[in-house]
Amino acid sequence: MKAGIYRITNTTNGKFYIGSTKDLSRRKKEHFRLLEKNKSHCLILQRAYNKYGNLSFVFEVLAFCPVKYLFKLEQWFVDNLKPQYNTCLIDVSVPIGYIHTE
């Protein structure tokens, strides 16, 4: 899959998390693998996942974009959609985003 912006939504309460990645397919697998292992970097999302279970969460692509626009576009979605599970509201003036390990 391509680079882009994604949303992980709790279908039980409508709350969601917004993120960006160079590889949407890999990131989806990584998010849910970490959530299953109770090791997500996002504590609020992890707690909701533990409470509501894996069947209550869906991953959806909000937009595809070139890698160089990921942070700016993610910031736009965060500012306009107001995600409840994001603990770090990004700042595009910072040229480096969160680096995820394999």
N, C-alpha and C. Protein backbone atom coordinates (compact mmCIF):
# COMPACT_ATOMS: atom_id res chain seq x y z
N MET A 1 0.84 -1.19 0.00
CA MET A 1 0.00 0.00 0.00
C MET A 1 0.88 1.24 0.00
N LYS A 2 0.28 2.35 -0.22
CA LYS A 2 0.99 3.61 -0.35
C LYS A 2 1.09 4.38 0.97
N ALA A 3 1.75 5.53 0.91
CA ALA A 3 1.84 6.44 2.06
C ALA A 3 0.53 7.19 2.20
N GLY A 4 0.20 7.55 3.44
CA GLY A 4 -1.02 8.32 3.63
C GLY A 4 -1.40 8.51 5.09
N ILE A 5 -2.61 8.99 5.26
CA ILE A 5 -3.19 9.29 6.56
C ILE A 5 -4.26 8.24 6.85
N TYR A 6 -4.30 7.77 8.09
CA TYR A 6 -5.27 6.75 8.45
C TYR A 6 -5.98 7.10 9.75
N ARG A 7 -7.08 6.40 9.98
CA ARG A 7 -7.85 6.58 11.22
C ARG A 7 -8.18 5.19 11.77
N ILE A 8 -8.01 5.04 13.07
CA ILE A 8 -8.46 3.83 13.76
C ILE A 8 -9.65 4.25 14.61
N THR A 9 -10.82 3.71 14.29
CA THR A 9 -12.05 4.13 14.93
C THR A 9 -12.61 3.04 15.83
N ASN A 10 -13.06 3.46 17.00
CA ASN A 10 -13.78 2.58 17.92
C ASN A 10 -15.24 2.65 17.49
N THR A 11 -15.76 1.56 16.93
CA THR A 11 -17.12 1.56 16.41
C THR A 11 -18.17 1.55 17.52
N THR A 12 -17.75 1.29 18.74
CA THR A 12 -18.69 1.28 19.87
C THR A 12 -19.03 2.69 20.32
N ASN A 13 -18.01 3.56 20.41
CA ASN A 13 -18.26 4.91 20.92
C ASN A 13 -17.93 6.03 19.92
N GLY A 14 -17.40 5.69 18.77
CA GLY A 14 -17.10 6.69 17.74
C GLY A 14 -15.80 7.44 17.91
N LYS A 15 -15.07 7.19 18.98
CA LYS A 15 -13.79 7.87 19.19
C LYS A 15 -12.75 7.28 18.25
N PHE A 16 -11.71 8.07 17.92
CA PHE A 16 -10.74 7.60 16.94
C PHE A 16 -9.34 8.18 17.15
N TYR A 17 -8.40 7.56 16.45
CA TYR A 17 -6.99 7.94 16.44
C TYR A 17 -6.61 8.24 14.99
N ILE A 18 -5.80 9.25 14.77
CA ILE A 18 -5.33 9.59 13.43
C ILE A 18 -3.81 9.47 13.40
N GLY A 19 -3.31 8.88 12.31
CA GLY A 19 -1.87 8.74 12.15
C GLY A 19 -1.48 8.86 10.69
N SER A 20 -0.17 8.86 10.46
CA SER A 20 0.35 8.91 9.09
C SER A 20 1.49 7.90 8.99
N THR A 21 1.74 7.45 7.77
CA THR A 21 2.78 6.45 7.57
C THR A 21 3.22 6.41 6.12
N LYS A 22 4.42 5.92 5.90
CA LYS A 22 4.93 5.71 4.55
C LYS A 22 4.35 4.44 3.93
N ASP A 23 3.87 3.52 4.78
CA ASP A 23 3.37 2.23 4.31
C ASP A 23 2.11 1.87 5.11
N LEU A 24 0.96 2.16 4.54
CA LEU A 24 -0.31 1.97 5.24
C LEU A 24 -0.57 0.50 5.61
N SER A 25 -0.26 -0.39 4.73
CA SER A 25 -0.50 -1.81 5.00
C SER A 25 0.34 -2.30 6.18
N ARG A 26 1.61 -1.94 6.18
CA ARG A 26 2.50 -2.35 7.28
C ARG A 26 2.08 -1.72 8.59
N ARG A 27 1.70 -0.45 8.54
CA ARG A 27 1.33 0.26 9.76
C ARG A 27 0.06 -0.32 10.38
N LYS A 28 -0.90 -0.70 9.54
CA LYS A 28 -2.12 -1.31 10.06
C LYS A 28 -1.79 -2.59 10.83
N LYS A 29 -0.98 -3.44 10.23
CA LYS A 29 -0.59 -4.69 10.89
C LYS A 29 0.16 -4.41 12.19
N GLU A 30 1.06 -3.44 12.14
CA GLU A 30 1.86 -3.09 13.31
C GLU A 30 0.99 -2.57 14.45
N HIS A 31 0.06 -1.67 14.15
CA HIS A 31 -0.83 -1.13 15.18
C HIS A 31 -1.58 -2.25 15.88
N PHE A 32 -2.24 -3.11 15.12
CA PHE A 32 -3.06 -4.14 15.72
C PHE A 32 -2.23 -5.22 16.42
N ARG A 33 -1.03 -5.48 15.92
CA ARG A 33 -0.14 -6.42 16.60
C ARG A 33 0.26 -5.88 17.97
N LEU A 34 0.61 -4.60 18.02
CA LEU A 34 0.99 -3.99 19.30
C LEU A 34 -0.20 -3.89 20.25
N LEU A 35 -1.36 -3.57 19.72
CA LEU A 35 -2.55 -3.52 20.57
C LEU A 35 -2.87 -4.89 21.16
N GLU A 36 -2.74 -5.93 20.35
CA GLU A 36 -2.98 -7.30 20.83
C GLU A 36 -2.00 -7.69 21.94
N LYS A 37 -0.76 -7.20 21.83
CA LYS A 37 0.28 -7.50 22.83
C LYS A 37 0.24 -6.54 24.02
N ASN A 38 -0.71 -5.60 24.00
CA ASN A 38 -0.83 -4.60 25.06
C ASN A 38 0.42 -3.71 25.13
N LYS A 39 0.97 -3.36 23.96
CA LYS A 39 2.22 -2.58 23.89
C LYS A 39 2.12 -1.37 22.97
N SER A 40 0.92 -0.87 22.75
CA SER A 40 0.77 0.29 21.88
C SER A 40 1.42 1.52 22.49
N HIS A 41 2.00 2.37 21.63
CA HIS A 41 2.61 3.62 22.10
C HIS A 41 1.55 4.61 22.57
N CYS A 42 0.30 4.40 22.15
CA CYS A 42 -0.79 5.31 22.52
C CYS A 42 -1.60 4.69 23.66
N LEU A 43 -1.35 5.14 24.87
CA LEU A 43 -1.96 4.55 26.06
C LEU A 43 -3.49 4.66 26.05
N ILE A 44 -4.02 5.77 25.59
CA ILE A 44 -5.48 5.94 25.56
C ILE A 44 -6.11 4.94 24.59
N LEU A 45 -5.52 4.80 23.42
CA LEU A 45 -6.02 3.83 22.44
C LEU A 45 -5.88 2.41 23.00
N GLN A 46 -4.78 2.12 23.65
CA GLN A 46 -4.56 0.79 24.23
C GLN A 46 -5.61 0.47 25.28
N ARG A 47 -5.90 1.41 26.14
CA ARG A 47 -6.91 1.17 27.18
C ARG A 47 -8.29 0.93 26.58
N ALA A 48 -8.62 1.68 25.53
CA ALA A 48 -9.91 1.49 24.87
C ALA A 48 -9.95 0.13 24.19
N TYR A 49 -8.86 -0.26 23.56
CA TYR A 49 -8.78 -1.56 22.89
C TYR A 49 -8.96 -2.69 23.91
N ASN A 50 -8.30 -2.54 25.06
CA ASN A 50 -8.43 -3.55 26.11
C ASN A 50 -9.87 -3.64 26.63
N LYS A 51 -10.54 -2.52 26.71
CA LYS A 51 -11.91 -2.47 27.23
C LYS A 51 -12.94 -3.00 26.22
N TYR A 52 -12.83 -2.56 24.97
CA TYR A 52 -13.86 -2.87 23.97
C TYR A 52 -13.53 -4.07 23.08
N GLY A 53 -12.26 -4.46 22.99
CA GLY A 53 -11.88 -5.62 22.20
C GLY A 53 -11.61 -5.31 20.74
N ASN A 54 -10.95 -6.24 20.07
CA ASN A 54 -10.49 -6.01 18.70
C ASN A 54 -11.63 -5.86 17.69
N LEU A 55 -12.77 -6.44 17.94
CA LEU A 55 -13.88 -6.34 16.99
C LEU A 55 -14.51 -4.95 16.95
N SER A 56 -14.15 -4.11 17.91
CA SER A 56 -14.71 -2.76 17.97
C SER A 56 -13.85 -1.72 17.27
N PHE A 57 -12.76 -2.15 16.62
CA PHE A 57 -11.85 -1.18 16.00
C PHE A 57 -11.66 -1.47 14.52
N VAL A 58 -11.74 -0.40 13.73
CA VAL A 58 -11.52 -0.51 12.29
C VAL A 58 -10.45 0.48 11.86
N PHE A 59 -9.69 0.08 10.87
CA PHE A 59 -8.63 0.90 10.29
C PHE A 59 -9.11 1.36 8.93
N GLU A 60 -9.06 2.67 8.70
CA GLU A 60 -9.48 3.18 7.40
C GLU A 60 -8.49 4.23 6.90
N VAL A 61 -8.29 4.24 5.61
CA VAL A 61 -7.41 5.22 4.98
C VAL A 61 -8.22 6.48 4.71
N LEU A 62 -7.71 7.60 5.20
CA LEU A 62 -8.38 8.89 4.97
C LEU A 62 -7.87 9.57 3.71
N ALA A 63 -6.58 9.39 3.41
CA ALA A 63 -6.00 10.04 2.23
C ALA A 63 -4.67 9.40 1.88
N PHE A 64 -4.38 9.33 0.60
CA PHE A 64 -3.07 8.96 0.10
C PHE A 64 -2.34 10.24 -0.24
N CYS A 65 -1.03 10.25 -0.03
CA CYS A 65 -0.26 11.44 -0.38
C CYS A 65 1.22 11.10 -0.49
N PRO A 66 1.99 11.96 -1.15
CA PRO A 66 3.44 11.75 -1.18
C PRO A 66 4.01 11.87 0.24
N VAL A 67 5.07 11.14 0.50
CA VAL A 67 5.68 11.13 1.83
C VAL A 67 6.00 12.53 2.33
N LYS A 68 6.45 13.41 1.43
CA LYS A 68 6.85 14.75 1.87
C LYS A 68 5.69 15.57 2.43
N TYR A 69 4.44 15.17 2.17
CA TYR A 69 3.28 15.90 2.68
C TYR A 69 2.60 15.23 3.87
N LEU A 70 3.14 14.10 4.33
CA LEU A 70 2.48 13.34 5.39
C LEU A 70 2.19 14.17 6.64
N PHE A 71 3.19 14.86 7.17
CA PHE A 71 3.01 15.57 8.43
C PHE A 71 2.04 16.73 8.31
N LYS A 72 2.12 17.47 7.22
CA LYS A 72 1.20 18.59 7.03
C LYS A 72 -0.24 18.11 6.88
N LEU A 73 -0.42 17.05 6.12
CA LEU A 73 -1.78 16.53 5.92
C LEU A 73 -2.32 15.90 7.20
N GLU A 74 -1.46 15.19 7.93
CA GLU A 74 -1.89 14.62 9.21
C GLU A 74 -2.31 15.73 10.17
N GLN A 75 -1.53 16.80 10.20
CA GLN A 75 -1.87 17.93 11.07
C GLN A 75 -3.23 18.51 10.69
N TRP A 76 -3.49 18.61 9.40
CA TRP A 76 -4.79 19.13 8.94
C TRP A 76 -5.93 18.25 9.45
N PHE A 77 -5.78 16.93 9.33
CA PHE A 77 -6.82 16.03 9.82
C PHE A 77 -6.98 16.11 11.34
N VAL A 78 -5.88 16.19 12.06
CA VAL A 78 -5.94 16.31 13.52
C VAL A 78 -6.65 17.60 13.91
N ASP A 79 -6.28 18.70 13.28
CA ASP A 79 -6.88 20.00 13.60
C ASP A 79 -8.37 20.05 13.28
N ASN A 80 -8.78 19.40 12.20
CA ASN A 80 -10.17 19.50 11.75
C ASN A 80 -11.08 18.40 12.27
N LEU A 81 -10.56 17.21 12.53
CA LEU A 81 -11.40 16.12 13.00
C LEU A 81 -11.37 15.93 14.51
N LYS A 82 -10.37 16.50 15.17
CA LYS A 82 -10.24 16.45 16.63
C LYS A 82 -10.30 15.02 17.19
N PRO A 83 -9.30 14.20 16.89
CA PRO A 83 -9.30 12.82 17.38
C PRO A 83 -9.19 12.74 18.90
N GLN A 84 -9.95 11.84 19.49
CA GLN A 84 -9.98 11.72 20.94
C GLN A 84 -8.87 10.81 21.49
N TYR A 85 -8.32 9.93 20.66
CA TYR A 85 -7.30 9.00 21.13
C TYR A 85 -5.88 9.46 20.89
N ASN A 86 -5.66 10.53 20.16
CA ASN A 86 -4.30 11.03 19.96
C ASN A 86 -3.84 11.75 21.21
N THR A 87 -2.72 11.31 21.76
CA THR A 87 -2.18 11.97 22.95
C THR A 87 -1.19 13.07 22.58
N CYS A 88 -0.62 12.97 21.39
CA CYS A 88 0.34 13.96 20.92
C CYS A 88 -0.25 14.64 19.69
N LEU A 89 -0.65 15.88 19.84
CA LEU A 89 -1.17 16.62 18.70
C LEU A 89 0.03 17.22 17.99
N ILE A 90 0.34 16.72 16.84
CA ILE A 90 1.55 17.01 16.10
C ILE A 90 1.73 18.50 15.77
N ASP A 91 2.95 18.81 15.43
CA ASP A 91 3.29 20.17 15.01
C ASP A 91 4.16 20.04 13.77
N VAL A 92 3.65 20.49 12.63
CA VAL A 92 4.40 20.33 11.38
C VAL A 92 5.66 21.19 11.30
N SER A 93 5.87 22.08 12.25
CA SER A 93 7.11 22.85 12.22
C SER A 93 8.29 21.96 12.63
N VAL A 94 7.99 20.83 13.25
CA VAL A 94 9.02 19.86 13.61
C VAL A 94 9.19 18.92 12.42
N PRO A 95 10.38 18.88 11.83
CA PRO A 95 10.57 18.11 10.60
C PRO A 95 10.57 16.59 10.78
N ILE A 96 10.69 16.11 12.00
CA ILE A 96 10.76 14.68 12.25
C ILE A 96 9.53 14.24 13.01
N GLY A 97 8.92 13.17 12.55
CA GLY A 97 7.76 12.62 13.23
C GLY A 97 8.18 11.52 14.18
N TYR A 98 7.22 10.84 14.73
CA TYR A 98 7.47 9.71 15.62
C TYR A 98 8.06 8.57 14.80
N ILE A 99 9.20 8.04 15.21
CA ILE A 99 9.85 6.96 14.49
C ILE A 99 9.43 5.64 15.13
N HIS A 100 8.77 4.79 14.34
CA HIS A 100 8.30 3.50 14.84
C HIS A 100 9.35 2.44 14.53
N THR A 101 9.59 1.55 15.48
CA THR A 101 10.53 0.46 15.25
C THR A 101 9.85 -0.65 14.49
N GLU A 102 10.63 -1.56 13.93
CA GLU A 102 10.07 -2.72 13.24
C GLU A 102 9.38 -3.56 14.27
